Amino acid sequence: MAIDVLVQPKVPKGMPYIYEPGAFTIRGPKITSDPESGASGGLSPITIHGSFFSTKKGKVTLELGGMVKSCKVFSWSMDTIQFFVPKKLTAASDYTLRVSNKVDSDTTTFAVTTP
């Protein structure tokens, strides 16, 4: 998403505005490597690598057949997220792992194993 920028100089007064169409581009998160599988209720965090995750913590969810479970986020940075797989999830290899921030979201397939 391109963002237009309008700058109003302070000095000297009366100077015209500076308008820069499309000066910034905001991008949604992009998962660049599929994380390994994780055990339901596991104590070791799972790592997701990617880009444009944001400097502000967003959400990580696991989805299967209409069920959506939020994951506890251990750490969050612009290119790496660590999270814990929630307890009491059924083992399956076709969960949708979703990373969301204020701009957009990205998904990949994730396998949940039994503890």
PDB file of N, CA and C in Angstrom:
ATOM      1  N   MET A   1       0.840  -1.145   0.000  1.00  0.00           N
ATOM      2  CA  MET A   1       0.000   0.000   0.000  1.00  0.00           C
ATOM      3  C   MET A   1       0.899   1.226   0.000  1.00  0.00           C
ATOM      4  N   ALA A   2       0.752   2.082  -0.992  1.00  0.00           N
ATOM      5  CA  ALA A   2       1.551   3.308  -1.091  1.00  0.00           C
ATOM      6  C   ALA A   2       0.879   4.415  -0.289  1.00  0.00           C
ATOM      7  N   ILE A   3       1.666   5.189   0.436  1.00  0.00           N
ATOM      8  CA  ILE A   3       1.169   6.282   1.266  1.00  0.00           C
ATOM      9  C   ILE A   3       1.719   7.593   0.721  1.00  0.00           C
ATOM     10  N   ASP A   4       0.824   8.543   0.464  1.00  0.00           N
ATOM     11  CA  ASP A   4       1.234   9.867   0.015  1.00  0.00           C
ATOM     12  C   ASP A   4       1.701  10.683   1.218  1.00  0.00           C
ATOM     13  N   VAL A   5       2.646  11.609   0.981  1.00  0.00           N
ATOM     14  CA  VAL A   5       3.186  12.442   2.048  1.00  0.00           C
ATOM     15  C   VAL A   5       3.033  13.905   1.664  1.00  0.00           C
ATOM     16  N   LEU A   6       2.539  14.709   2.629  1.00  0.00           N
ATOM     17  CA  LEU A   6       2.403  16.146   2.446  1.00  0.00           C
ATOM     18  C   LEU A   6       3.237  16.807   3.537  1.00  0.00           C
ATOM     19  N   VAL A   7       4.236  17.615   3.151  1.00  0.00           N
ATOM     20  CA  VAL A   7       5.125  18.268   4.100  1.00  0.00           C
ATOM     21  C   VAL A   7       4.882  19.762   4.044  1.00  0.00           C
ATOM     22  N   GLN A   8       4.685  20.378   5.225  1.00  0.00           N
ATOM     23  CA  GLN A   8       4.513  21.818   5.302  1.00  0.00           C
ATOM     24  C   GLN A   8       5.737  22.406   5.996  1.00  0.00           C
ATOM     25  N   PRO A   9       6.625  23.061   5.234  1.00  0.00           N
ATOM     26  CA  PRO A   9       7.825  23.642   5.849  1.00  0.00           C
ATOM     27  C   PRO A   9       7.459  24.716   6.876  1.00  0.00           C
ATOM     28  N   LYS A  10       8.223  24.809   7.981  1.00  0.00           N
ATOM     29  CA  LYS A  10       7.979  25.821   9.010  1.00  0.00           C
ATOM     30  C   LYS A  10       8.601  27.158   8.632  1.00  0.00           C
ATOM     31  N   VAL A  11       9.796  27.119   8.050  1.00  0.00           N
ATOM     32  CA  VAL A  11      10.509  28.360   7.746  1.00  0.00           C
ATOM     33  C   VAL A  11      10.989  28.284   6.308  1.00  0.00           C
ATOM     34  N   PRO A  12      10.959  29.269   5.505  1.00  0.00           N
ATOM     35  CA  PRO A  12      10.246  30.525   5.751  1.00  0.00           C
ATOM     36  C   PRO A  12       8.742  30.339   5.552  1.00  0.00           C
ATOM     37  N   LYS A  13       7.984  31.161   6.268  1.00  0.00           N
ATOM     38  CA  LYS A  13       6.524  31.078   6.177  1.00  0.00           C
ATOM     39  C   LYS A  13       6.086  31.428   4.764  1.00  0.00           C
ATOM     40  N   GLY A  14       5.024  30.818   4.359  1.00  0.00           N
ATOM     41  CA  GLY A  14       4.500  31.093   3.032  1.00  0.00           C
ATOM     42  C   GLY A  14       5.050  30.182   1.945  1.00  0.00           C
ATOM     43  N   MET A  15       6.016  29.328   2.302  1.00  0.00           N
ATOM     44  CA  MET A  15       6.550  28.395   1.314  1.00  0.00           C
ATOM     45  C   MET A  15       5.436  27.417   0.942  1.00  0.00           C
ATOM     46  N   PRO A  16       5.435  26.955  -0.285  1.00  0.00           N
ATOM     47  CA  PRO A  16       4.394  26.000  -0.681  1.00  0.00           C
ATOM     48  C   PRO A  16       4.623  24.635  -0.021  1.00  0.00           C
ATOM     49  N   TYR A  17       3.556  23.880   0.046  1.00  0.00           N
ATOM     50  CA  TYR A  17       3.646  22.508   0.557  1.00  0.00           C
ATOM     51  C   TYR A  17       4.474  21.667  -0.409  1.00  0.00           C
ATOM     52  N   ILE A  18       5.090  20.650   0.137  1.00  0.00           N
ATOM     53  CA  ILE A  18       5.794  19.671  -0.685  1.00  0.00           C
ATOM     54  C   ILE A  18       4.947  18.411  -0.679  1.00  0.00           C
ATOM     55  N   TYR A  19       4.558  17.943  -1.840  1.00  0.00           N
ATOM     56  CA  TYR A  19       3.692  16.768  -1.954  1.00  0.00           C
ATOM     57  C   TYR A  19       4.455  15.668  -2.666  1.00  0.00           C
ATOM     58  N   GLU A  20       4.569  14.512  -2.043  1.00  0.00           N
ATOM     59  CA  GLU A  20       5.267  13.370  -2.611  1.00  0.00           C
ATOM     60  C   GLU A  20       4.308  12.182  -2.689  1.00  0.00           C
ATOM     61  N   PRO A  21       3.679  11.978  -3.841  1.00  0.00           N
ATOM     62  CA  PRO A  21       2.766  10.838  -3.947  1.00  0.00           C
ATOM     63  C   PRO A  21       3.519   9.512  -3.881  1.00  0.00           C
ATOM     64  N   GLY A  22       2.984   8.587  -3.096  1.00  0.00           N
ATOM     65  CA  GLY A  22       3.589   7.255  -2.995  1.00  0.00           C
ATOM     66  C   GLY A  22       4.966   7.249  -2.368  1.00  0.00           C
ATOM     67  N   ALA A  23       5.258   8.220  -1.471  1.00  0.00           N
ATOM     68  CA  ALA A  23       6.598   8.337  -0.886  1.00  0.00           C
ATOM     69  C   ALA A  23       6.964   7.150   0.006  1.00  0.00           C
ATOM     70  N   PHE A  24       5.973   6.533   0.626  1.00  0.00           N
ATOM     71  CA  PHE A  24       6.217   5.388   1.498  1.00  0.00           C
ATOM     72  C   PHE A  24       5.370   4.216   1.035  1.00  0.00           C
ATOM     73  N   THR A  25       5.871   3.028   1.272  1.00  0.00           N
ATOM     74  CA  THR A  25       5.102   1.830   1.001  1.00  0.00           C
ATOM     75  C   THR A  25       4.991   1.031   2.290  1.00  0.00           C
ATOM     76  N   ILE A  26       3.757   0.707   2.660  1.00  0.00           N
ATOM     77  CA  ILE A  26       3.513  -0.102   3.843  1.00  0.00           C
ATOM     78  C   ILE A  26       3.246  -1.520   3.362  1.00  0.00           C
ATOM     79  N   ARG A  27       3.927  -2.477   3.955  1.00  0.00           N
ATOM     80  CA  ARG A  27       3.782  -3.871   3.532  1.00  0.00           C
ATOM     81  C   ARG A  27       3.281  -4.723   4.694  1.00  0.00           C
ATOM     82  N   GLY A  28       2.500  -5.709   4.347  1.00  0.00           N
ATOM     83  CA  GLY A  28       2.020  -6.659   5.341  1.00  0.00           C
ATOM     84  C   GLY A  28       3.088  -7.700   5.632  1.00  0.00           C
ATOM     85  N   PRO A  29       2.880  -8.502   6.658  1.00  0.00           N
ATOM     86  CA  PRO A  29       3.865  -9.522   7.021  1.00  0.00           C
ATOM     87  C   PRO A  29       4.054 -10.559   5.922  1.00  0.00           C
ATOM     88  N   LYS A  30       5.249 -11.080   5.829  1.00  0.00           N
ATOM     89  CA  LYS A  30       5.581 -12.108   4.836  1.00  0.00           C
ATOM     90  C   LYS A  30       6.386 -13.200   5.531  1.00  0.00           C
ATOM     91  N   ILE A  31       5.814 -14.400   5.603  1.00  0.00           N
ATOM     92  CA  ILE A  31       6.522 -15.547   6.177  1.00  0.00           C
ATOM     93  C   ILE A  31       7.454 -16.088   5.106  1.00  0.00           C
ATOM     94  N   THR A  32       8.758 -16.164   5.402  1.00  0.00           N
ATOM     95  CA  THR A  32       9.729 -16.584   4.379  1.00  0.00           C
ATOM     96  C   THR A  32      10.234 -18.010   4.557  1.00  0.00           C
ATOM     97  N   SER A  33      10.035 -18.595   5.737  1.00  0.00           N
ATOM     98  CA  SER A  33      10.418 -19.993   5.922  1.00  0.00           C
ATOM     99  C   SER A  33       9.364 -20.672   6.787  1.00  0.00           C
ATOM    100  N   ASP A  34       8.947 -21.856   6.367  1.00  0.00           N
ATOM    101  CA  ASP A  34       7.933 -22.581   7.115  1.00  0.00           C
ATOM    102  C   ASP A  34       8.507 -23.044   8.444  1.00  0.00           C
ATOM    103  N   PRO A  35       7.828 -22.731   9.556  1.00  0.00           N
ATOM    104  CA  PRO A  35       8.324 -23.197  10.853  1.00  0.00           C
ATOM    105  C   PRO A  35       8.133 -24.701  10.985  1.00  0.00           C
ATOM    106  N   GLU A  36       8.932 -25.301  11.831  1.00  0.00           N
ATOM    107  CA  GLU A  36       8.801 -26.734  12.079  1.00  0.00           C
ATOM    108  C   GLU A  36       7.480 -26.998  12.777  1.00  0.00           C
ATOM    109  N   SER A  37       7.139 -28.241  12.937  1.00  0.00           N
ATOM    110  CA  SER A  37       5.923 -28.596  13.665  1.00  0.00           C
ATOM    111  C   SER A  37       6.132 -28.334  15.148  1.00  0.00           C
ATOM    112  N   GLY A  38       5.040 -28.352  15.895  1.00  0.00           N
ATOM    113  CA  GLY A  38       5.151 -28.147  17.326  1.00  0.00           C
ATOM    114  C   GLY A  38       4.143 -28.973  18.085  1.00  0.00           C
ATOM    115  N   ALA A  39       4.497 -29.348  19.290  1.00  0.00           N
ATOM    116  CA  ALA A  39       3.618 -30.161  20.131  1.00  0.00           C
ATOM    117  C   ALA A  39       2.587 -29.280  20.824  1.00  0.00           C
ATOM    118  N   SER A  40       1.359 -29.768  20.867  1.00  0.00           N
ATOM    119  CA  SER A  40       0.295 -29.066  21.578  1.00  0.00           C
ATOM    120  C   SER A  40       0.699 -28.889  23.034  1.00  0.00           C
ATOM    121  N   GLY A  41       0.717 -27.633  23.504  1.00  0.00           N
ATOM    122  CA  GLY A  41       1.119 -27.349  24.872  1.00  0.00           C
ATOM    123  C   GLY A  41       2.607 -27.458  25.120  1.00  0.00           C
ATOM    124  N   GLY A  42       3.401 -27.522  24.051  1.00  0.00           N
ATOM    125  CA  GLY A  42       4.854 -27.655  24.185  1.00  0.00           C
ATOM    126  C   GLY A  42       5.482 -26.492  24.929  1.00  0.00           C
ATOM    127  N   LEU A  43       6.600 -26.764  25.577  1.00  0.00           N
ATOM    128  CA  LEU A  43       7.292 -25.747  26.375  1.00  0.00           C
ATOM    129  C   LEU A  43       8.389 -25.024  25.611  1.00  0.00           C
ATOM    130  N   SER A  44       8.705 -25.484  24.402  1.00  0.00           N
ATOM    131  CA  SER A  44       9.727 -24.830  23.583  1.00  0.00           C
ATOM    132  C   SER A  44       9.057 -23.935  22.555  1.00  0.00           C
ATOM    133  N   PRO A  45       9.526 -22.681  22.446  1.00  0.00           N
ATOM    134  CA  PRO A  45       8.903 -21.789  21.464  1.00  0.00           C
ATOM    135  C   PRO A  45       9.223 -22.212  20.024  1.00  0.00           C
ATOM    136  N   ILE A  46       8.285 -21.956  19.141  1.00  0.00           N
ATOM    137  CA  ILE A  46       8.431 -22.202  17.710  1.00  0.00           C
ATOM    138  C   ILE A  46       8.845 -20.882  17.062  1.00  0.00           C
ATOM    139  N   THR A  47       9.782 -20.929  16.116  1.00  0.00           N
ATOM    140  CA  THR A  47      10.287 -19.719  15.475  1.00  0.00           C
ATOM    141  C   THR A  47       9.753 -19.586  14.053  1.00  0.00           C
ATOM    142  N   ILE A  48       9.280 -18.389  13.728  1.00  0.00           N
ATOM    143  CA  ILE A  48       8.842 -18.034  12.376  1.00  0.00           C
ATOM    144  C   ILE A  48       9.803 -16.969  11.860  1.00  0.00           C
ATOM    145  N   HIS A  49      10.344 -17.168  10.667  1.00  0.00           N
ATOM    146  CA  HIS A  49      11.209 -16.163  10.036  1.00  0.00           C
ATOM    147  C   HIS A  49      10.441 -15.507   8.895  1.00  0.00           C
ATOM    148  N   GLY A  50      10.693 -14.233   8.695  1.00  0.00           N
ATOM    149  CA  GLY A  50      10.020 -13.524   7.614  1.00  0.00           C
ATOM    150  C   GLY A  50      10.445 -12.077   7.564  1.00  0.00           C
ATOM    151  N   SER A  51       9.559 -11.244   7.065  1.00  0.00           N
ATOM    152  CA  SER A  51       9.849  -9.816   6.961  1.00  0.00           C
ATOM    153  C   SER A  51       8.554  -9.022   7.124  1.00  0.00           C
ATOM    154  N   PHE A  52       8.719  -7.769   7.473  1.00  0.00           N
ATOM    155  CA  PHE A  52       7.612  -6.813   7.632  1.00  0.00           C
ATOM    156  C   PHE A  52       6.614  -7.234   8.712  1.00  0.00           C
ATOM    157  N   PHE A  53       7.094  -7.938   9.762  1.00  0.00           N
ATOM    158  CA  PHE A  53       6.193  -8.343  10.840  1.00  0.00           C
ATOM    159  C   PHE A  53       5.740  -7.131  11.658  1.00  0.00           C
ATOM    160  N   SER A  54       6.535  -6.079  11.721  1.00  0.00           N
ATOM    161  CA  SER A  54       6.275  -4.841  12.461  1.00  0.00           C
ATOM    162  C   SER A  54       7.111  -4.848  13.735  1.00  0.00           C
ATOM    163  N   THR A  55       7.335  -3.666  14.267  1.00  0.00           N
ATOM    164  CA  THR A  55       8.045  -3.553  15.538  1.00  0.00           C
ATOM    165  C   THR A  55       7.064  -3.667  16.701  1.00  0.00           C
ATOM    166  N   LYS A  56       5.778  -3.554  16.423  1.00  0.00           N
ATOM    167  CA  LYS A  56       4.738  -3.725  17.442  1.00  0.00           C
ATOM    168  C   LYS A  56       4.166  -5.130  17.339  1.00  0.00           C
ATOM    169  N   LYS A  57       3.986  -5.776  18.479  1.00  0.00           N
ATOM    170  CA  LYS A  57       3.507  -7.155  18.501  1.00  0.00           C
ATOM    171  C   LYS A  57       2.108  -7.259  17.892  1.00  0.00           C
ATOM    172  N   GLY A  58       1.964  -8.245  17.015  1.00  0.00           N
ATOM    173  CA  GLY A  58       0.675  -8.537  16.409  1.00  0.00           C
ATOM    174  C   GLY A  58       0.131  -9.835  16.985  1.00  0.00           C
ATOM    175  N   LYS A  59      -0.497 -10.649  16.117  1.00  0.00           N
ATOM    176  CA  LYS A  59      -1.105 -11.906  16.559  1.00  0.00           C
ATOM    177  C   LYS A  59      -0.575 -13.084  15.768  1.00  0.00           C
ATOM    178  N   VAL A  60      -0.506 -14.227  16.447  1.00  0.00           N
ATOM    179  CA  VAL A  60      -0.222 -15.508  15.802  1.00  0.00           C
ATOM    180  C   VAL A  60      -1.385 -16.422  16.166  1.00  0.00           C
ATOM    181  N   THR A  61      -2.014 -17.025  15.155  1.00  0.00           N
ATOM    182  CA  THR A  61      -3.116 -17.957  15.411  1.00  0.00           C
ATOM    183  C   THR A  61      -2.906 -19.255  14.656  1.00  0.00           C
ATOM    184  N   LEU A  62      -3.514 -20.319  15.173  1.00  0.00           N
ATOM    185  CA  LEU A  62      -3.576 -21.601  14.486  1.00  0.00           C
ATOM    186  C   LEU A  62      -5.045 -21.879  14.201  1.00  0.00           C
ATOM    187  N   GLU A  63      -5.345 -22.244  12.947  1.00  0.00           N
ATOM    188  CA  GLU A  63      -6.723 -22.417  12.517  1.00  0.00           C
ATOM    189  C   GLU A  63      -6.894 -23.786  11.865  1.00  0.00           C
ATOM    190  N   LEU A  64      -8.042 -24.415  12.163  1.00  0.00           N
ATOM    191  CA  LEU A  64      -8.363 -25.710  11.564  1.00  0.00           C
ATOM    192  C   LEU A  64      -9.875 -25.912  11.610  1.00  0.00           C
ATOM    193  N   GLY A  65     -10.483 -26.102  10.445  1.00  0.00           N
ATOM    194  CA  GLY A  65     -11.910 -26.389  10.367  1.00  0.00           C
ATOM    195  C   GLY A  65     -12.805 -25.376  11.053  1.00  0.00           C
ATOM    196  N   GLY A  66     -12.514 -24.093  10.920  1.00  0.00           N
ATOM    197  CA  GLY A  66     -13.324 -23.052  11.534  1.00  0.00           C
ATOM    198  C   GLY A  66     -12.917 -22.698  12.962  1.00  0.00           C
ATOM    199  N   MET A  67     -12.086 -23.501  13.598  1.00  0.00           N
ATOM    200  CA  MET A  67     -11.594 -23.234  14.946  1.00  0.00           C
ATOM    201  C   MET A  67     -10.340 -22.367  14.836  1.00  0.00           C
ATOM    202  N   VAL A  68     -10.299 -21.294  15.622  1.00  0.00           N
ATOM    203  CA  VAL A  68      -9.141 -20.394  15.641  1.00  0.00           C
ATOM    204  C   VAL A  68      -8.633 -20.304  17.079  1.00  0.00           C
ATOM    205  N   LYS A  69      -7.349 -20.637  17.279  1.00  0.00           N
ATOM    206  CA  LYS A  69      -6.728 -20.560  18.602  1.00  0.00           C
ATOM    207  C   LYS A  69      -5.583 -19.549  18.569  1.00  0.00           C
ATOM    208  N   SER A  70      -5.602 -18.612  19.495  1.00  0.00           N
ATOM    209  CA  SER A  70      -4.507 -17.654  19.621  1.00  0.00           C
ATOM    210  C   SER A  70      -3.310 -18.325  20.278  1.00  0.00           C
ATOM    211  N   CYS A  71      -2.138 -17.984  19.796  1.00  0.00           N
ATOM    212  CA  CYS A  71      -0.896 -18.519  20.346  1.00  0.00           C
ATOM    213  C   CYS A  71      -0.239 -17.467  21.238  1.00  0.00           C
ATOM    214  N   LYS A  72       0.358 -17.899  22.331  1.00  0.00           N
ATOM    215  CA  LYS A  72       1.098 -16.980  23.187  1.00  0.00           C
ATOM    216  C   LYS A  72       2.410 -16.629  22.481  1.00  0.00           C
ATOM    217  N   VAL A  73       2.636 -15.325  22.291  1.00  0.00           N
ATOM    218  CA  VAL A  73       3.851 -14.859  21.620  1.00  0.00           C
ATOM    219  C   VAL A  73       4.940 -14.660  22.664  1.00  0.00           C
ATOM    220  N   PHE A  74       6.073 -15.324  22.459  1.00  0.00           N
ATOM    221  CA  PHE A  74       7.228 -15.246  23.350  1.00  0.00           C
ATOM    222  C   PHE A  74       8.089 -14.031  23.009  1.00  0.00           C
ATOM    223  N   SER A  75       8.347 -13.829  21.695  1.00  0.00           N
ATOM    224  CA  SER A  75       9.102 -12.647  21.251  1.00  0.00           C
ATOM    225  C   SER A  75       8.645 -12.260  19.843  1.00  0.00           C
ATOM    226  N   TRP A  76       8.787 -10.976  19.533  1.00  0.00           N
ATOM    227  CA  TRP A  76       8.317 -10.437  18.257  1.00  0.00           C
ATOM    228  C   TRP A  76       9.291  -9.373  17.797  1.00  0.00           C
ATOM    229  N   SER A  77       9.793  -9.505  16.579  1.00  0.00           N
ATOM    230  CA  SER A  77      10.628  -8.468  15.984  1.00  0.00           C
ATOM    231  C   SER A  77      10.236  -8.329  14.522  1.00  0.00           C
ATOM    232  N   MET A  78      10.887  -7.445  13.822  1.00  0.00           N
ATOM    233  CA  MET A  78      10.547  -7.163  12.427  1.00  0.00           C
ATOM    234  C   MET A  78      10.691  -8.394  11.532  1.00  0.00           C
ATOM    235  N   ASP A  79      11.600  -9.327  11.883  1.00  0.00           N
ATOM    236  CA  ASP A  79      11.842 -10.471  10.999  1.00  0.00           C
ATOM    237  C   ASP A  79      11.799 -11.840  11.685  1.00  0.00           C
ATOM    238  N   THR A  80      11.501 -11.883  12.984  1.00  0.00           N
ATOM    239  CA  THR A  80      11.437 -13.157  13.703  1.00  0.00           C
ATOM    240  C   THR A  80      10.348 -13.105  14.769  1.00  0.00           C
ATOM    241  N   ILE A  81       9.579 -14.179  14.835  1.00  0.00           N
ATOM    242  CA  ILE A  81       8.556 -14.317  15.872  1.00  0.00           C
ATOM    243  C   ILE A  81       8.773 -15.675  16.544  1.00  0.00           C
ATOM    244  N   GLN A  82       8.621 -15.710  17.860  1.00  0.00           N
ATOM    245  CA  GLN A  82       8.628 -16.968  18.592  1.00  0.00           C
ATOM    246  C   GLN A  82       7.313 -17.072  19.347  1.00  0.00           C
ATOM    247  N   PHE A  83       6.668 -18.250  19.246  1.00  0.00           N
ATOM    248  CA  PHE A  83       5.376 -18.446  19.886  1.00  0.00           C
ATOM    249  C   PHE A  83       5.280 -19.853  20.462  1.00  0.00           C
ATOM    250  N   PHE A  84       4.279 -20.064  21.313  1.00  0.00           N
ATOM    251  CA  PHE A  84       4.010 -21.377  21.898  1.00  0.00           C
ATOM    252  C   PHE A  84       2.724 -21.930  21.296  1.00  0.00           C
ATOM    253  N   VAL A  85       2.709 -23.227  21.010  1.00  0.00           N
ATOM    254  CA  VAL A  85       1.518 -23.900  20.506  1.00  0.00           C
ATOM    255  C   VAL A  85       0.551 -24.076  21.681  1.00  0.00           C
ATOM    256  N   PRO A  86      -0.717 -23.668  21.526  1.00  0.00           N
ATOM    257  CA  PRO A  86      -1.684 -23.795  22.621  1.00  0.00           C
ATOM    258  C   PRO A  86      -1.902 -25.247  23.052  1.00  0.00           C
ATOM    259  N   LYS A  87      -2.381 -25.405  24.275  1.00  0.00           N
ATOM    260  CA  LYS A  87      -2.710 -26.725  24.818  1.00  0.00           C
ATOM    261  C   LYS A  87      -4.004 -27.251  24.196  1.00  0.00           C
ATOM    262  N   LYS A  88      -4.190 -28.547  24.282  1.00  0.00           N
ATOM    263  CA  LYS A  88      -5.427 -29.242  23.908  1.00  0.00           C
ATOM    264  C   LYS A  88      -5.793 -29.125  22.431  1.00  0.00           C
ATOM    265  N   LEU A  89      -4.789 -29.000  21.553  1.00  0.00           N
ATOM    266  CA  LEU A  89      -5.061 -29.026  20.117  1.00  0.00           C
ATOM    267  C   LEU A  89      -4.935 -30.461  19.617  1.00  0.00           C
ATOM    268  N   THR A  90      -5.800 -30.829  18.714  1.00  0.00           N
ATOM    269  CA  THR A  90      -5.756 -32.151  18.094  1.00  0.00           C
ATOM    270  C   THR A  90      -4.574 -32.222  17.146  1.00  0.00           C
ATOM    271  N   ALA A  91      -3.854 -33.322  17.156  1.00  0.00           N
ATOM    272  CA  ALA A  91      -2.723 -33.497  16.246  1.00  0.00           C
ATOM    273  C   ALA A  91      -3.238 -33.535  14.808  1.00  0.00           C
ATOM    274  N   ALA A  92      -2.631 -32.724  13.949  1.00  0.00           N
ATOM    275  CA  ALA A  92      -2.978 -32.676  12.522  1.00  0.00           C
ATOM    276  C   ALA A  92      -1.858 -31.948  11.791  1.00  0.00           C
ATOM    277  N   SER A  93      -1.710 -32.277  10.514  1.00  0.00           N
ATOM    278  CA  SER A  93      -0.620 -31.666   9.738  1.00  0.00           C
ATOM    279  C   SER A  93      -1.087 -30.497   8.875  1.00  0.00           C
ATOM    280  N   ASP A  94      -2.380 -30.155   8.951  1.00  0.00           N
ATOM    281  CA  ASP A  94      -2.884 -29.129   8.039  1.00  0.00           C
ATOM    282  C   ASP A  94      -3.497 -27.910   8.733  1.00  0.00           C
ATOM    283  N   TYR A  95      -2.927 -27.509   9.876  1.00  0.00           N
ATOM    284  CA  TYR A  95      -3.337 -26.258  10.516  1.00  0.00           C
ATOM    285  C   TYR A  95      -2.876 -25.091   9.644  1.00  0.00           C
ATOM    286  N   THR A  96      -3.626 -24.009   9.676  1.00  0.00           N
ATOM    287  CA  THR A  96      -3.193 -22.759   9.045  1.00  0.00           C
ATOM    288  C   THR A  96      -2.583 -21.898  10.140  1.00  0.00           C
ATOM    289  N   LEU A  97      -1.323 -21.551   9.985  1.00  0.00           N
ATOM    290  CA  LEU A  97      -0.628 -20.649  10.898  1.00  0.00           C
ATOM    291  C   LEU A  97      -0.756 -19.255  10.298  1.00  0.00           C
ATOM    292  N   ARG A  98      -1.338 -18.321  11.044  1.00  0.00           N
ATOM    293  CA  ARG A  98      -1.546 -16.957  10.542  1.00  0.00           C
ATOM    294  C   ARG A  98      -0.782 -15.960  11.408  1.00  0.00           C
ATOM    295  N   VAL A  99      -0.002 -15.096  10.752  1.00  0.00           N
ATOM    296  CA  VAL A  99       0.685 -13.986  11.399  1.00  0.00           C
ATOM    297  C   VAL A  99      -0.026 -12.716  10.941  1.00  0.00           C
ATOM    298  N   SER A 100      -0.521 -11.934  11.900  1.00  0.00           N
ATOM    299  CA  SER A 100      -1.280 -10.726  11.583  1.00  0.00           C
ATOM    300  C   SER A 100      -0.694  -9.515  12.294  1.00  0.00           C
ATOM    301  N   ASN A 101      -0.673  -8.393  11.585  1.00  0.00           N
ATOM    302  CA  ASN A 101      -0.350  -7.114  12.205  1.00  0.00           C
ATOM    303  C   ASN A 101      -1.409  -6.108  11.760  1.00  0.00           C
ATOM    304  N   LYS A 102      -1.235  -4.833  12.060  1.00  0.00           N
ATOM    305  CA  LYS A 102      -2.255  -3.834  11.733  1.00  0.00           C
ATOM    306  C   LYS A 102      -2.439  -3.637  10.234  1.00  0.00           C
ATOM    307  N   VAL A 103      -1.472  -4.036   9.424  1.00  0.00           N
ATOM    308  CA  VAL A 103      -1.535  -3.822   7.981  1.00  0.00           C
ATOM    309  C   VAL A 103      -2.231  -4.976   7.266  1.00  0.00           C
ATOM    310  N   ASP A 104      -1.852  -6.218   7.578  1.00  0.00           N
ATOM    311  CA  ASP A 104      -2.355  -7.371   6.834  1.00  0.00           C
ATOM    312  C   ASP A 104      -1.980  -8.657   7.585  1.00  0.00           C
ATOM    313  N   SER A 105      -2.052  -9.788   6.899  1.00  0.00           N
ATOM    314  CA  SER A 105      -1.636 -11.057   7.481  1.00  0.00           C
ATOM    315  C   SER A 105      -1.041 -11.947   6.393  1.00  0.00           C
ATOM    316  N   ASP A 106      -0.330 -12.993   6.828  1.00  0.00           N
ATOM    317  CA  ASP A 106       0.206 -13.997   5.915  1.00  0.00           C
ATOM    318  C   ASP A 106       0.012 -15.354   6.594  1.00  0.00           C
ATOM    319  N   THR A 107      -0.074 -16.406   5.768  1.00  0.00           N
ATOM    320  CA  THR A 107      -0.328 -17.738   6.314  1.00  0.00           C
ATOM    321  C   THR A 107       0.637 -18.753   5.736  1.00  0.00           C
ATOM    322  N   THR A 108       0.757 -19.861   6.455  1.00  0.00           N
ATOM    323  CA  THR A 108       1.480 -21.031   5.995  1.00  0.00           C
ATOM    324  C   THR A 108       0.867 -22.249   6.675  1.00  0.00           C
ATOM    325  N   THR A 109       1.215 -23.432   6.227  1.00  0.00           N
ATOM    326  CA  THR A 109       0.704 -24.661   6.829  1.00  0.00           C
ATOM    327  C   THR A 109       1.610 -25.055   7.995  1.00  0.00           C
ATOM    328  N   PHE A 110       0.994 -25.596   9.050  1.00  0.00           N
ATOM    329  CA  PHE A 110       1.733 -25.948  10.259  1.00  0.00           C
ATOM    330  C   PHE A 110       1.177 -27.269  10.802  1.00  0.00           C
ATOM    331  N   ALA A 111       2.061 -28.121  11.290  1.00  0.00           N
ATOM    332  CA  ALA A 111       1.652 -29.419  11.858  1.00  0.00           C
ATOM    333  C   ALA A 111       1.716 -29.347  13.385  1.00  0.00           C
ATOM    334  N   VAL A 112       0.637 -29.780  14.016  1.00  0.00           N
ATOM    335  CA  VAL A 112       0.598 -29.892  15.475  1.00  0.00           C
ATOM    336  C   VAL A 112       0.731 -31.366  15.817  1.00  0.00           C
ATOM    337  N   THR A 113       1.643 -31.653  16.730  1.00  0.00           N
ATOM    338  CA  THR A 113       1.867 -33.030  17.159  1.00  0.00           C
ATOM    339  C   THR A 113       1.371 -33.214  18.587  1.00  0.00           C
ATOM    340  N   THR A 114       1.299 -34.462  19.027  1.00  0.00           N
ATOM    341  CA  THR A 114       0.919 -34.739  20.421  1.00  0.00           C
ATOM    342  C   THR A 114       2.153 -34.579  21.300  1.00  0.00           C
ATOM    343  N   PRO A 115       1.943 -34.192  22.556  1.00  0.00           N
ATOM    344  CA  PRO A 115       3.084 -33.988  23.467  1.00  0.00           C
ATOM    345  C   PRO A 115       3.813 -35.277  23.802  1.00  0.00           C
TER     346      PRO A 115
END
